[in-house]
Amino acid sequence: MNKKSGLVLTASVMMIFGMMMIPGNVSAAENSITVTPLNEEVSLQKTTTTMSVPSDNTLPWGTVKGAASDYVERYPVIIQFYQNEDPVHFAQVDVKGDGSYEYKFRVGSLNYETGEFENFFEGDYTVKIFKVIPNTNSLV
């Protein structure tokens, strides 16, 4: 595998939280947020959302952005994609100093041999986003 193919493969294997900003007719809706205390200082925030990618999508990239918010330094955001309960893609993205993050991923690509656009993602996906936040519950 040459370096360019490796980069394309690596880019296509990466991915999501907060407000999902995906171009075109790919859509996402926030469903639920749960917070589970881990110890006296930190909690795990889990956001579960749905992403829908239509079969006629022709845009190659998607972007997931999280707005500036509470976070705990040195803990990345973990993103997991599932289709029909089957794991499809996992990603990890660092949080910036202001608490925001951004993750870009390939939704599809042009097959140079056939000249056809091929979707990597198509249909409905359950997306789980995990972020470590400061514990706000003083009783824990």
C-alpha atoms as a PDB file:
ATOM      1  CA  MET A   1       0.000   0.000   0.000  1.00  0.00           C
ATOM      2  CA  ASN A   2       1.471   3.365  -0.976  1.00  0.00           C
ATOM      3  CA  LYS A   3       1.545   6.422   1.285  1.00  0.00           C
ATOM      4  CA  LYS A   4      -1.432   8.113  -0.438  1.00  0.00           C
ATOM      5  CA  SER A   5      -3.602   4.978  -0.093  1.00  0.00           C
ATOM      6  CA  GLY A   6      -2.581   4.727   3.550  1.00  0.00           C
ATOM      7  CA  LEU A   7      -3.614   8.327   4.171  1.00  0.00           C
ATOM      8  CA  VAL A   8      -6.952   7.806   2.442  1.00  0.00           C
ATOM      9  CA  LEU A   9      -7.560   4.633   4.443  1.00  0.00           C
ATOM     10  CA  THR A  10      -6.571   6.362   7.695  1.00  0.00           C
ATOM     11  CA  ALA A  11      -8.784   9.352   6.949  1.00  0.00           C
ATOM     12  CA  SER A  12     -11.719   7.112   6.106  1.00  0.00           C
ATOM     13  CA  VAL A  13     -11.378   5.234   9.373  1.00  0.00           C
ATOM     14  CA  MET A  14     -11.784   8.354  11.599  1.00  0.00           C
ATOM     15  CA  MET A  15     -15.193  10.308  13.169  1.00  0.00           C
ATOM     16  CA  ILE A  16     -18.520  12.893  16.199  1.00  0.00           C
ATOM     17  CA  PHE A  17     -20.161  15.017  19.176  1.00  0.00           C
ATOM     18  CA  GLY A  18     -22.197  17.848  20.382  1.00  0.00           C
ATOM     19  CA  MET A  19     -23.692  19.610  17.477  1.00  0.00           C
ATOM     20  CA  MET A  20     -23.049  17.486  14.444  1.00  0.00           C
ATOM     21  CA  MET A  21     -22.215  19.679  11.499  1.00  0.00           C
ATOM     22  CA  ILE A  22     -22.330  17.430   8.481  1.00  0.00           C
ATOM     23  CA  PRO A  23     -22.591  19.036   5.050  1.00  0.00           C
ATOM     24  CA  GLY A  24     -25.378  18.422   2.589  1.00  0.00           C
ATOM     25  CA  ASN A  25     -28.262  16.134   3.296  1.00  0.00           C
ATOM     26  CA  VAL A  26     -26.593  14.042   5.992  1.00  0.00           C
ATOM     27  CA  SER A  27     -28.498  14.688   9.201  1.00  0.00           C
ATOM     28  CA  ALA A  28     -28.157  14.066  12.917  1.00  0.00           C
ATOM     29  CA  ALA A  29     -30.377  14.619  15.930  1.00  0.00           C
ATOM     30  CA  GLU A  30     -29.413  14.652  19.579  1.00  0.00           C
ATOM     31  CA  ASN A  31     -31.344  12.003  21.495  1.00  0.00           C
ATOM     32  CA  SER A  32     -30.068  11.712  25.053  1.00  0.00           C
ATOM     33  CA  ILE A  33     -27.340  12.732  27.474  1.00  0.00           C
ATOM     34  CA  THR A  34     -26.458  10.791  30.615  1.00  0.00           C
ATOM     35  CA  VAL A  35     -23.845  11.621  33.238  1.00  0.00           C
ATOM     36  CA  THR A  36     -22.260   8.899  35.365  1.00  0.00           C
ATOM     37  CA  PRO A  37     -19.963   9.900  38.263  1.00  0.00           C
ATOM     38  CA  LEU A  38     -16.612   8.083  38.131  1.00  0.00           C
ATOM     39  CA  ASN A  39     -15.215   9.420  41.418  1.00  0.00           C
ATOM     40  CA  GLU A  40     -15.362  12.565  43.591  1.00  0.00           C
ATOM     41  CA  GLU A  41     -13.797  14.701  40.878  1.00  0.00           C
ATOM     42  CA  VAL A  42     -14.973  13.550  37.435  1.00  0.00           C
ATOM     43  CA  SER A  43     -17.996  12.129  35.626  1.00  0.00           C
ATOM     44  CA  LEU A  44     -18.484  10.472  32.256  1.00  0.00           C
ATOM     45  CA  GLN A  45     -20.915  12.274  29.964  1.00  0.00           C
ATOM     46  CA  LYS A  46     -22.437  10.018  27.292  1.00  0.00           C
ATOM     47  CA  THR A  47     -24.407  11.509  24.427  1.00  0.00           C
ATOM     48  CA  THR A  48     -26.371   9.168  22.189  1.00  0.00           C
ATOM     49  CA  THR A  49     -27.510  10.524  18.844  1.00  0.00           C
ATOM     50  CA  THR A  50     -28.668   9.285  15.457  1.00  0.00           C
ATOM     51  CA  MET A  51     -26.935  10.027  12.165  1.00  0.00           C
ATOM     52  CA  SER A  52     -28.698   9.437   8.842  1.00  0.00           C
ATOM     53  CA  VAL A  53     -26.778   9.349   5.558  1.00  0.00           C
ATOM     54  CA  PRO A  54     -28.937   9.107   2.413  1.00  0.00           C
ATOM     55  CA  SER A  55     -27.947   6.768  -0.413  1.00  0.00           C
ATOM     56  CA  ASP A  56     -27.749   9.690  -2.864  1.00  0.00           C
ATOM     57  CA  ASN A  57     -25.154  11.596  -0.817  1.00  0.00           C
ATOM     58  CA  THR A  58     -22.353  12.997  -3.020  1.00  0.00           C
ATOM     59  CA  LEU A  59     -20.312  14.944  -0.460  1.00  0.00           C
ATOM     60  CA  PRO A  60     -17.047  13.268   0.593  1.00  0.00           C
ATOM     61  CA  TRP A  61     -16.500  14.793   4.069  1.00  0.00           C
ATOM     62  CA  GLY A  62     -18.403  15.126   7.310  1.00  0.00           C
ATOM     63  CA  THR A  63     -17.427  17.248  10.303  1.00  0.00           C
ATOM     64  CA  VAL A  64     -18.379  16.895  13.940  1.00  0.00           C
ATOM     65  CA  LYS A  65     -17.837  19.852  16.234  1.00  0.00           C
ATOM     66  CA  GLY A  66     -18.291  20.278  19.946  1.00  0.00           C
ATOM     67  CA  ALA A  67     -18.739  23.779  21.342  1.00  0.00           C
ATOM     68  CA  ALA A  68     -16.587  25.101  24.160  1.00  0.00           C
ATOM     69  CA  SER A  69     -17.730  23.430  27.378  1.00  0.00           C
ATOM     70  CA  ASP A  70     -16.613  21.847  30.633  1.00  0.00           C
ATOM     71  CA  TYR A  71     -14.043  19.119  30.216  1.00  0.00           C
ATOM     72  CA  VAL A  72     -11.205  17.484  32.115  1.00  0.00           C
ATOM     73  CA  GLU A  73      -7.717  17.967  30.664  1.00  0.00           C
ATOM     74  CA  ARG A  74      -5.864  14.941  29.253  1.00  0.00           C
ATOM     75  CA  TYR A  75      -9.096  13.041  28.496  1.00  0.00           C
ATOM     76  CA  PRO A  76     -10.024  12.801  24.796  1.00  0.00           C
ATOM     77  CA  VAL A  77     -13.549  12.594  23.401  1.00  0.00           C
ATOM     78  CA  ILE A  78     -14.404   9.049  22.274  1.00  0.00           C
ATOM     79  CA  ILE A  79     -16.869   8.596  19.401  1.00  0.00           C
ATOM     80  CA  GLN A  80     -18.490   5.276  18.486  1.00  0.00           C
ATOM     81  CA  PHE A  81     -20.682   4.555  15.441  1.00  0.00           C
ATOM     82  CA  TYR A  82     -23.047   1.582  15.328  1.00  0.00           C
ATOM     83  CA  GLN A  83     -25.358   0.366  12.582  1.00  0.00           C
ATOM     84  CA  ASN A  84     -28.029  -2.104  13.710  1.00  0.00           C
ATOM     85  CA  GLU A  85     -26.119  -2.637  16.988  1.00  0.00           C
ATOM     86  CA  ASP A  86     -22.961  -3.608  15.057  1.00  0.00           C
ATOM     87  CA  PRO A  87     -19.828  -1.484  15.661  1.00  0.00           C
ATOM     88  CA  VAL A  88     -18.839   0.357  12.482  1.00  0.00           C
ATOM     89  CA  HIS A  89     -16.291   3.011  13.423  1.00  0.00           C
ATOM     90  CA  PHE A  90     -14.532   4.303  16.552  1.00  0.00           C
ATOM     91  CA  ALA A  91     -12.609   7.551  16.872  1.00  0.00           C
ATOM     92  CA  GLN A  92     -10.771   9.623  19.458  1.00  0.00           C
ATOM     93  CA  VAL A  93     -10.277  13.381  19.270  1.00  0.00           C
ATOM     94  CA  ASP A  94      -8.412  15.737  21.586  1.00  0.00           C
ATOM     95  CA  VAL A  95     -10.184  18.609  23.293  1.00  0.00           C
ATOM     96  CA  LYS A  96      -8.743  22.084  22.639  1.00  0.00           C
ATOM     97  CA  GLY A  97      -7.839  24.449  25.480  1.00  0.00           C
ATOM     98  CA  ASP A  98     -11.232  26.197  25.274  1.00  0.00           C
ATOM     99  CA  GLY A  99     -13.164  22.930  25.609  1.00  0.00           C
ATOM    100  CA  SER A 100     -14.124  22.634  21.941  1.00  0.00           C
ATOM    101  CA  TYR A 101     -13.207  19.882  19.508  1.00  0.00           C
ATOM    102  CA  GLU A 102     -13.596  19.040  15.847  1.00  0.00           C
ATOM    103  CA  TYR A 103     -13.484  15.736  14.013  1.00  0.00           C
ATOM    104  CA  LYS A 104     -13.461  15.393  10.224  1.00  0.00           C
ATOM    105  CA  PHE A 105     -14.199  12.101   8.529  1.00  0.00           C
ATOM    106  CA  ARG A 106     -14.778  10.613   5.092  1.00  0.00           C
ATOM    107  CA  VAL A 107     -18.404   9.932   4.207  1.00  0.00           C
ATOM    108  CA  GLY A 108     -17.563   8.761   0.683  1.00  0.00           C
ATOM    109  CA  SER A 109     -14.949   8.758  -2.030  1.00  0.00           C
ATOM    110  CA  LEU A 110     -14.534   8.681  -5.784  1.00  0.00           C
ATOM    111  CA  ASN A 111     -13.472   5.281  -7.075  1.00  0.00           C
ATOM    112  CA  TYR A 112     -10.827   6.180  -9.670  1.00  0.00           C
ATOM    113  CA  GLU A 113     -11.107   2.810 -11.420  1.00  0.00           C
ATOM    114  CA  THR A 114     -14.866   3.048 -12.065  1.00  0.00           C
ATOM    115  CA  GLY A 115     -15.396   6.816 -11.836  1.00  0.00           C
ATOM    116  CA  GLU A 116     -18.277   6.186  -9.416  1.00  0.00           C
ATOM    117  CA  PHE A 117     -18.780   7.871  -6.032  1.00  0.00           C
ATOM    118  CA  GLU A 118     -18.924   5.289  -3.227  1.00  0.00           C
ATOM    119  CA  ASN A 119     -20.397   5.956   0.223  1.00  0.00           C
ATOM    120  CA  PHE A 120     -18.555   4.662   3.268  1.00  0.00           C
ATOM    121  CA  PHE A 121     -21.617   5.523   5.342  1.00  0.00           C
ATOM    122  CA  GLU A 122     -25.164   4.969   4.185  1.00  0.00           C
ATOM    123  CA  GLY A 123     -28.346   4.622   6.228  1.00  0.00           C
ATOM    124  CA  ASP A 124     -29.005   5.191   9.921  1.00  0.00           C
ATOM    125  CA  TYR A 125     -26.346   5.020  12.622  1.00  0.00           C
ATOM    126  CA  THR A 126     -26.430   5.247  16.408  1.00  0.00           C
ATOM    127  CA  VAL A 127     -23.566   7.431  17.571  1.00  0.00           C
ATOM    128  CA  LYS A 128     -22.270   7.389  21.151  1.00  0.00           C
ATOM    129  CA  ILE A 129     -19.991  10.204  22.307  1.00  0.00           C
ATOM    130  CA  PHE A 130     -18.103   9.961  25.600  1.00  0.00           C
ATOM    131  CA  LYS A 131     -16.477  12.933  27.349  1.00  0.00           C
ATOM    132  CA  VAL A 132     -14.978  13.231  30.840  1.00  0.00           C
ATOM    133  CA  ILE A 133     -16.333  16.308  32.653  1.00  0.00           C
ATOM    134  CA  PRO A 134     -15.827  17.799  36.116  1.00  0.00           C
ATOM    135  CA  ASN A 135     -18.155  16.225  38.670  1.00  0.00           C
ATOM    136  CA  THR A 136     -20.889  18.701  39.588  1.00  0.00           C
ATOM    137  CA  ASN A 137     -22.630  16.458  42.135  1.00  0.00           C
ATOM    138  CA  SER A 138     -21.255  17.381  45.577  1.00  0.00           C
ATOM    139  CA  LEU A 139     -22.811  14.258  47.169  1.00  0.00           C
ATOM    140  CA  VAL A 140     -20.582  11.805  45.289  1.00  0.00           C
END
